[in-house]
């Protein structure tokens, strides 16, 4: 019985030792992916594409552009435009062609 337990302990130990390099590689890859940051580049409001300017004039009349940013993450390019009206502030997201994607309310 003692030999059977000893053999099982040795086998489990061997499995753990063999699995360890794989587990650390996976964790390393997960950390690398999660640590990738988006590349953010400021854009002058007057340099925004015409479709973005047209959408702002049509759907957000009375709002002022506070800032605009080009965001590149995982080979996807978007534009984030922060607009304000009085005390209200919104972040509008557009795709690389200037098509409206979504509106983000400020987090409280």
N, C-alpha and C. Protein backbone atom coordinates (compact mmCIF):
# COMPACT_ATOMS: atom_id res chain seq x y z
N UNK A 1 0.82 -1.19 0.00
CA UNK A 1 0.00 0.00 0.00
C UNK A 1 0.87 1.27 0.00
N UNK A 2 1.94 1.22 0.79
CA UNK A 2 2.83 2.38 0.84
C UNK A 2 3.48 2.62 -0.52
N UNK A 3 3.81 1.54 -1.20
CA UNK A 3 4.43 1.68 -2.53
C UNK A 3 3.44 2.29 -3.51
N UNK A 4 2.19 1.90 -3.45
CA UNK A 4 1.17 2.44 -4.35
C UNK A 4 1.01 3.93 -4.13
N UNK A 5 0.99 4.34 -2.88
CA UNK A 5 0.86 5.77 -2.56
C UNK A 5 2.11 6.52 -3.05
N UNK A 6 3.29 5.92 -2.83
CA UNK A 6 4.53 6.54 -3.27
C UNK A 6 4.55 6.71 -4.79
N UNK A 7 4.12 5.68 -5.51
CA UNK A 7 4.07 5.74 -6.98
C UNK A 7 3.09 6.83 -7.42
N UNK A 8 1.95 6.92 -6.77
CA UNK A 8 0.96 7.95 -7.13
C UNK A 8 1.51 9.35 -6.88
N UNK A 9 2.20 9.53 -5.77
CA UNK A 9 2.79 10.83 -5.46
C UNK A 9 3.84 11.19 -6.51
N UNK A 10 4.65 10.24 -6.91
CA UNK A 10 5.67 10.50 -7.93
C UNK A 10 5.02 10.83 -9.27
N UNK A 11 3.98 10.11 -9.64
CA UNK A 11 3.29 10.39 -10.90
C UNK A 11 2.63 11.76 -10.89
N UNK A 12 1.97 12.10 -9.80
CA UNK A 12 1.34 13.43 -9.70
C UNK A 12 2.40 14.52 -9.76
N UNK A 13 3.52 14.29 -9.07
CA UNK A 13 4.62 15.26 -9.11
C UNK A 13 5.14 15.45 -10.52
N UNK A 14 5.28 14.34 -11.27
CA UNK A 14 5.77 14.42 -12.65
C UNK A 14 4.78 15.20 -13.53
N UNK A 15 3.50 14.96 -13.31
CA UNK A 15 2.49 15.69 -14.08
C UNK A 15 2.54 17.18 -13.79
N UNK A 16 2.70 17.53 -12.54
CA UNK A 16 2.76 18.94 -12.16
C UNK A 16 3.99 19.60 -12.76
N UNK A 17 5.12 18.93 -12.70
CA UNK A 17 6.36 19.48 -13.25
C UNK A 17 6.23 19.65 -14.76
N UNK A 18 5.65 18.68 -15.45
CA UNK A 18 5.49 18.78 -16.90
C UNK A 18 4.45 19.81 -17.30
N UNK A 19 3.45 20.04 -16.51
CA UNK A 19 2.40 21.00 -16.83
C UNK A 19 2.85 22.42 -16.55
N UNK A 20 3.76 22.60 -15.65
CA UNK A 20 4.16 23.94 -15.23
C UNK A 20 4.66 24.83 -16.38
N UNK A 21 5.57 24.38 -17.26
CA UNK A 21 6.01 25.27 -18.35
C UNK A 21 4.87 25.71 -19.25
N UNK A 22 3.94 24.81 -19.52
CA UNK A 22 2.80 25.16 -20.35
C UNK A 22 1.94 26.21 -19.65
N UNK A 23 1.68 26.00 -18.38
CA UNK A 23 0.84 26.94 -17.64
C UNK A 23 1.49 28.31 -17.58
N UNK A 24 2.78 28.39 -17.37
CA UNK A 24 3.43 29.69 -17.30
C UNK A 24 3.42 30.38 -18.66
N UNK A 25 3.54 29.61 -19.75
CA UNK A 25 3.49 30.19 -21.09
C UNK A 25 2.11 30.78 -21.36
N UNK A 26 1.08 30.05 -21.00
CA UNK A 26 -0.28 30.54 -21.20
C UNK A 26 -0.49 31.81 -20.38
N UNK A 27 -0.09 31.81 -19.14
CA UNK A 27 -0.28 32.99 -18.30
C UNK A 27 0.52 34.17 -18.83
N UNK A 28 1.71 33.90 -19.36
CA UNK A 28 2.52 34.96 -19.94
C UNK A 28 1.81 35.58 -21.14
N UNK A 29 1.23 34.73 -22.00
CA UNK A 29 0.50 35.23 -23.17
C UNK A 29 -0.71 36.03 -22.76
N UNK A 30 -1.44 35.57 -21.76
CA UNK A 30 -2.62 36.29 -21.28
C UNK A 30 -2.21 37.65 -20.75
N UNK A 31 -1.13 37.71 -19.99
CA UNK A 31 -0.66 38.98 -19.45
C UNK A 31 -0.26 39.92 -20.58
N UNK A 32 0.43 39.40 -21.58
CA UNK A 32 0.87 40.23 -22.70
C UNK A 32 -0.33 40.81 -23.43
N UNK A 33 -1.34 40.00 -23.71
CA UNK A 33 -2.52 40.48 -24.42
C UNK A 33 -3.25 41.52 -23.60
N UNK A 34 -3.41 41.29 -22.31
CA UNK A 34 -4.17 42.22 -21.49
C UNK A 34 -3.42 43.52 -21.26
N UNK A 35 -2.11 43.52 -21.44
CA UNK A 35 -1.32 44.71 -21.18
C UNK A 35 -1.21 45.61 -22.41
N UNK A 36 -1.67 45.15 -23.58
CA UNK A 36 -1.58 45.97 -24.77
C UNK A 36 -2.49 47.20 -24.59
N UNK A 37 -1.92 48.34 -24.90
CA UNK A 37 -2.66 49.58 -24.73
C UNK A 37 -3.05 50.13 -26.10
N UNK A 38 -4.13 50.86 -26.11
CA UNK A 38 -4.57 51.52 -27.33
C UNK A 38 -3.67 52.73 -27.59
N UNK A 39 -3.37 52.97 -28.85
CA UNK A 39 -2.58 54.14 -29.23
C UNK A 39 -3.55 55.29 -29.45
N UNK A 40 -3.40 56.34 -28.66
CA UNK A 40 -4.32 57.48 -28.71
C UNK A 40 -3.56 58.69 -29.24
N UNK A 41 -4.14 59.33 -30.27
CA UNK A 41 -3.52 60.51 -30.89
C UNK A 41 -4.55 61.64 -30.94
N UNK A 42 -4.22 62.80 -30.36
CA UNK A 42 -5.15 63.93 -30.43
C UNK A 42 -5.40 64.37 -31.87
N UNK A 43 -6.62 64.80 -32.13
CA UNK A 43 -7.00 65.30 -33.45
C UNK A 43 -7.64 66.67 -33.26
N UNK A 44 -7.24 67.63 -34.08
CA UNK A 44 -7.86 68.95 -34.01
C UNK A 44 -9.29 68.84 -34.51
N UNK A 45 -10.24 69.50 -33.85
CA UNK A 45 -11.64 69.43 -34.29
C UNK A 45 -11.83 69.77 -35.76
N UNK A 46 -11.09 70.75 -36.26
CA UNK A 46 -11.24 71.14 -37.67
C UNK A 46 -10.69 70.07 -38.62
N UNK A 47 -9.89 69.12 -38.11
CA UNK A 47 -9.33 68.07 -38.94
C UNK A 47 -10.18 66.79 -38.95
N UNK A 48 -11.31 66.81 -38.25
CA UNK A 48 -12.19 65.64 -38.25
C UNK A 48 -12.79 65.45 -39.64
N UNK A 49 -13.10 64.21 -39.97
CA UNK A 49 -13.68 63.89 -41.28
C UNK A 49 -15.07 64.52 -41.44
N UNK A 50 -15.43 64.78 -42.68
CA UNK A 50 -16.72 65.40 -42.99
C UNK A 50 -17.90 64.61 -42.42
N UNK A 51 -17.95 63.26 -42.53
CA UNK A 51 -19.10 62.54 -41.97
C UNK A 51 -19.26 62.76 -40.45
N UNK A 52 -18.14 62.89 -39.75
CA UNK A 52 -18.23 63.16 -38.30
C UNK A 52 -18.78 64.55 -38.06
N UNK A 53 -18.27 65.52 -38.78
CA UNK A 53 -18.74 66.91 -38.63
C UNK A 53 -20.23 67.00 -38.99
N UNK A 54 -20.64 66.30 -40.05
CA UNK A 54 -22.05 66.32 -40.45
C UNK A 54 -22.94 65.71 -39.37
N UNK A 55 -22.51 64.59 -38.78
CA UNK A 55 -23.29 63.97 -37.71
C UNK A 55 -23.39 64.88 -36.50
N UNK A 56 -22.31 65.55 -36.16
CA UNK A 56 -22.33 66.46 -35.02
C UNK A 56 -23.30 67.62 -35.27
N UNK A 57 -23.26 68.18 -36.48
CA UNK A 57 -24.13 69.30 -36.81
C UNK A 57 -25.60 68.88 -36.80
N UNK A 58 -25.88 67.67 -37.26
CA UNK A 58 -27.26 67.19 -37.35
C UNK A 58 -27.81 66.72 -36.01
N UNK A 59 -27.10 65.80 -35.36
CA UNK A 59 -27.63 65.15 -34.15
C UNK A 59 -27.19 65.78 -32.84
N UNK A 60 -26.18 66.64 -32.87
CA UNK A 60 -25.67 67.24 -31.63
C UNK A 60 -25.51 68.75 -31.79
N UNK A 61 -26.51 69.36 -32.43
CA UNK A 61 -26.51 70.81 -32.61
C UNK A 61 -26.50 71.47 -31.24
N UNK A 62 -25.69 72.50 -31.10
CA UNK A 62 -25.59 73.20 -29.83
C UNK A 62 -24.47 72.67 -28.94
N UNK A 63 -23.93 71.51 -29.28
CA UNK A 63 -22.80 70.96 -28.53
C UNK A 63 -21.49 71.53 -29.09
N UNK A 64 -20.50 71.65 -28.24
CA UNK A 64 -19.18 72.13 -28.63
C UNK A 64 -18.18 70.98 -28.49
N UNK A 65 -17.29 70.87 -29.45
CA UNK A 65 -16.26 69.83 -29.37
C UNK A 65 -15.22 70.25 -28.34
N UNK A 66 -15.08 69.45 -27.32
CA UNK A 66 -14.09 69.71 -26.27
C UNK A 66 -12.74 69.12 -26.67
N UNK A 67 -12.76 67.87 -27.18
CA UNK A 67 -11.54 67.22 -27.65
C UNK A 67 -11.90 66.08 -28.59
N UNK A 68 -10.95 65.72 -29.43
CA UNK A 68 -11.13 64.59 -30.34
C UNK A 68 -9.84 63.77 -30.33
N UNK A 69 -10.01 62.46 -30.41
CA UNK A 69 -8.87 61.55 -30.33
C UNK A 69 -9.03 60.42 -31.34
N UNK A 70 -7.95 60.10 -32.02
CA UNK A 70 -7.90 58.92 -32.88
C UNK A 70 -7.37 57.79 -32.01
N UNK A 71 -8.09 56.66 -32.02
CA UNK A 71 -7.71 55.53 -31.17
C UNK A 71 -7.44 54.32 -32.06
N UNK A 72 -6.24 53.74 -31.90
CA UNK A 72 -5.89 52.53 -32.65
C UNK A 72 -5.62 51.43 -31.63
N UNK A 73 -6.43 50.36 -31.72
CA UNK A 73 -6.29 49.23 -30.82
C UNK A 73 -6.58 47.95 -31.58
N UNK A 74 -5.64 47.01 -31.56
CA UNK A 74 -5.82 45.73 -32.25
C UNK A 74 -6.18 45.93 -33.73
N UNK A 75 -5.49 46.83 -34.39
CA UNK A 75 -5.70 47.12 -35.82
C UNK A 75 -7.10 47.66 -36.12
N UNK A 76 -7.77 48.19 -35.13
CA UNK A 76 -9.08 48.83 -35.33
C UNK A 76 -8.91 50.32 -35.03
N UNK A 77 -9.28 51.16 -35.99
CA UNK A 77 -9.17 52.61 -35.82
C UNK A 77 -10.55 53.19 -35.54
N UNK A 78 -10.65 54.00 -34.50
CA UNK A 78 -11.88 54.71 -34.19
C UNK A 78 -11.53 56.14 -33.81
N UNK A 79 -12.56 56.96 -33.75
CA UNK A 79 -12.41 58.33 -33.30
C UNK A 79 -13.33 58.53 -32.10
N UNK A 80 -12.81 59.12 -31.04
CA UNK A 80 -13.61 59.49 -29.88
C UNK A 80 -13.68 61.00 -29.84
N UNK A 81 -14.90 61.51 -29.81
CA UNK A 81 -15.11 62.96 -29.80
C UNK A 81 -15.89 63.30 -28.54
N UNK A 82 -15.29 64.13 -27.70
CA UNK A 82 -15.96 64.57 -26.47
C UNK A 82 -16.63 65.90 -26.78
N UNK A 83 -17.95 65.95 -26.57
CA UNK A 83 -18.71 67.17 -26.82
C UNK A 83 -19.38 67.61 -25.53
N UNK A 84 -19.57 68.92 -25.40
CA UNK A 84 -20.20 69.47 -24.20
C UNK A 84 -21.30 70.45 -24.59
N UNK A 85 -22.28 70.54 -23.71
CA UNK A 85 -23.36 71.53 -23.85
C UNK A 85 -23.77 71.88 -22.43
N UNK A 86 -23.42 73.07 -22.01
CA UNK A 86 -23.67 73.46 -20.62
C UNK A 86 -22.84 72.58 -19.70
N UNK A 87 -23.49 71.90 -18.77
CA UNK A 87 -22.79 70.99 -17.87
C UNK A 87 -22.82 69.54 -18.36
N UNK A 88 -23.49 69.31 -19.49
CA UNK A 88 -23.59 67.97 -20.05
C UNK A 88 -22.37 67.66 -20.92
N UNK A 89 -21.87 66.45 -20.79
CA UNK A 89 -20.72 66.02 -21.58
C UNK A 89 -20.97 64.61 -22.10
N UNK A 90 -20.62 64.37 -23.36
CA UNK A 90 -20.79 63.06 -23.99
C UNK A 90 -19.52 62.70 -24.74
N UNK A 91 -19.25 61.41 -24.83
CA UNK A 91 -18.18 60.93 -25.69
C UNK A 91 -18.84 60.14 -26.82
N UNK A 92 -18.58 60.56 -28.04
CA UNK A 92 -19.15 59.93 -29.23
C UNK A 92 -18.06 59.15 -29.94
N UNK A 93 -18.38 57.93 -30.36
CA UNK A 93 -17.39 57.07 -31.00
C UNK A 93 -17.79 56.84 -32.45
N UNK A 94 -16.81 57.02 -33.34
CA UNK A 94 -17.01 56.86 -34.77
C UNK A 94 -15.98 55.85 -35.31
N UNK A 95 -16.34 55.15 -36.39
CA UNK A 95 -15.39 54.22 -36.99
C UNK A 95 -14.41 54.98 -37.88
N UNK A 96 -13.52 54.23 -38.53
CA UNK A 96 -12.46 54.83 -39.35
C UNK A 96 -12.99 55.63 -40.53
N UNK A 97 -14.25 55.35 -40.94
CA UNK A 97 -14.85 56.06 -42.06
C UNK A 97 -15.75 57.21 -41.62
N UNK A 98 -15.83 57.42 -40.31
CA UNK A 98 -16.65 58.52 -39.79
C UNK A 98 -18.08 58.13 -39.50
N UNK A 99 -18.39 56.84 -39.53
CA UNK A 99 -19.75 56.36 -39.23
C UNK A 99 -19.93 56.30 -37.71
N UNK A 100 -21.04 56.86 -37.23
CA UNK A 100 -21.34 56.87 -35.80
C UNK A 100 -21.51 55.45 -35.29
N UNK A 101 -20.83 55.12 -34.15
CA UNK A 101 -20.92 53.79 -33.57
C UNK A 101 -21.72 53.79 -32.26
N UNK A 102 -21.34 54.69 -31.33
CA UNK A 102 -22.04 54.70 -30.05
C UNK A 102 -21.79 55.98 -29.28
N UNK A 103 -22.64 56.20 -28.30
CA UNK A 103 -22.56 57.35 -27.40
C UNK A 103 -22.25 56.81 -26.01
N UNK A 104 -21.27 57.38 -25.35
CA UNK A 104 -20.92 56.95 -24.00
C UNK A 104 -21.20 58.10 -23.03
N UNK A 105 -22.00 57.81 -22.03
CA UNK A 105 -22.27 58.79 -20.99
C UNK A 105 -21.07 58.83 -20.04
N UNK A 106 -20.80 59.97 -19.43
CA UNK A 106 -19.70 60.02 -18.48
C UNK A 106 -19.99 59.14 -17.27
N UNK A 107 -18.94 58.50 -16.74
CA UNK A 107 -19.10 57.66 -15.56
C UNK A 107 -19.09 58.51 -14.32
N UNK A 108 -20.03 58.26 -13.45
CA UNK A 108 -20.12 59.01 -12.20
C UNK A 108 -19.35 58.32 -11.10
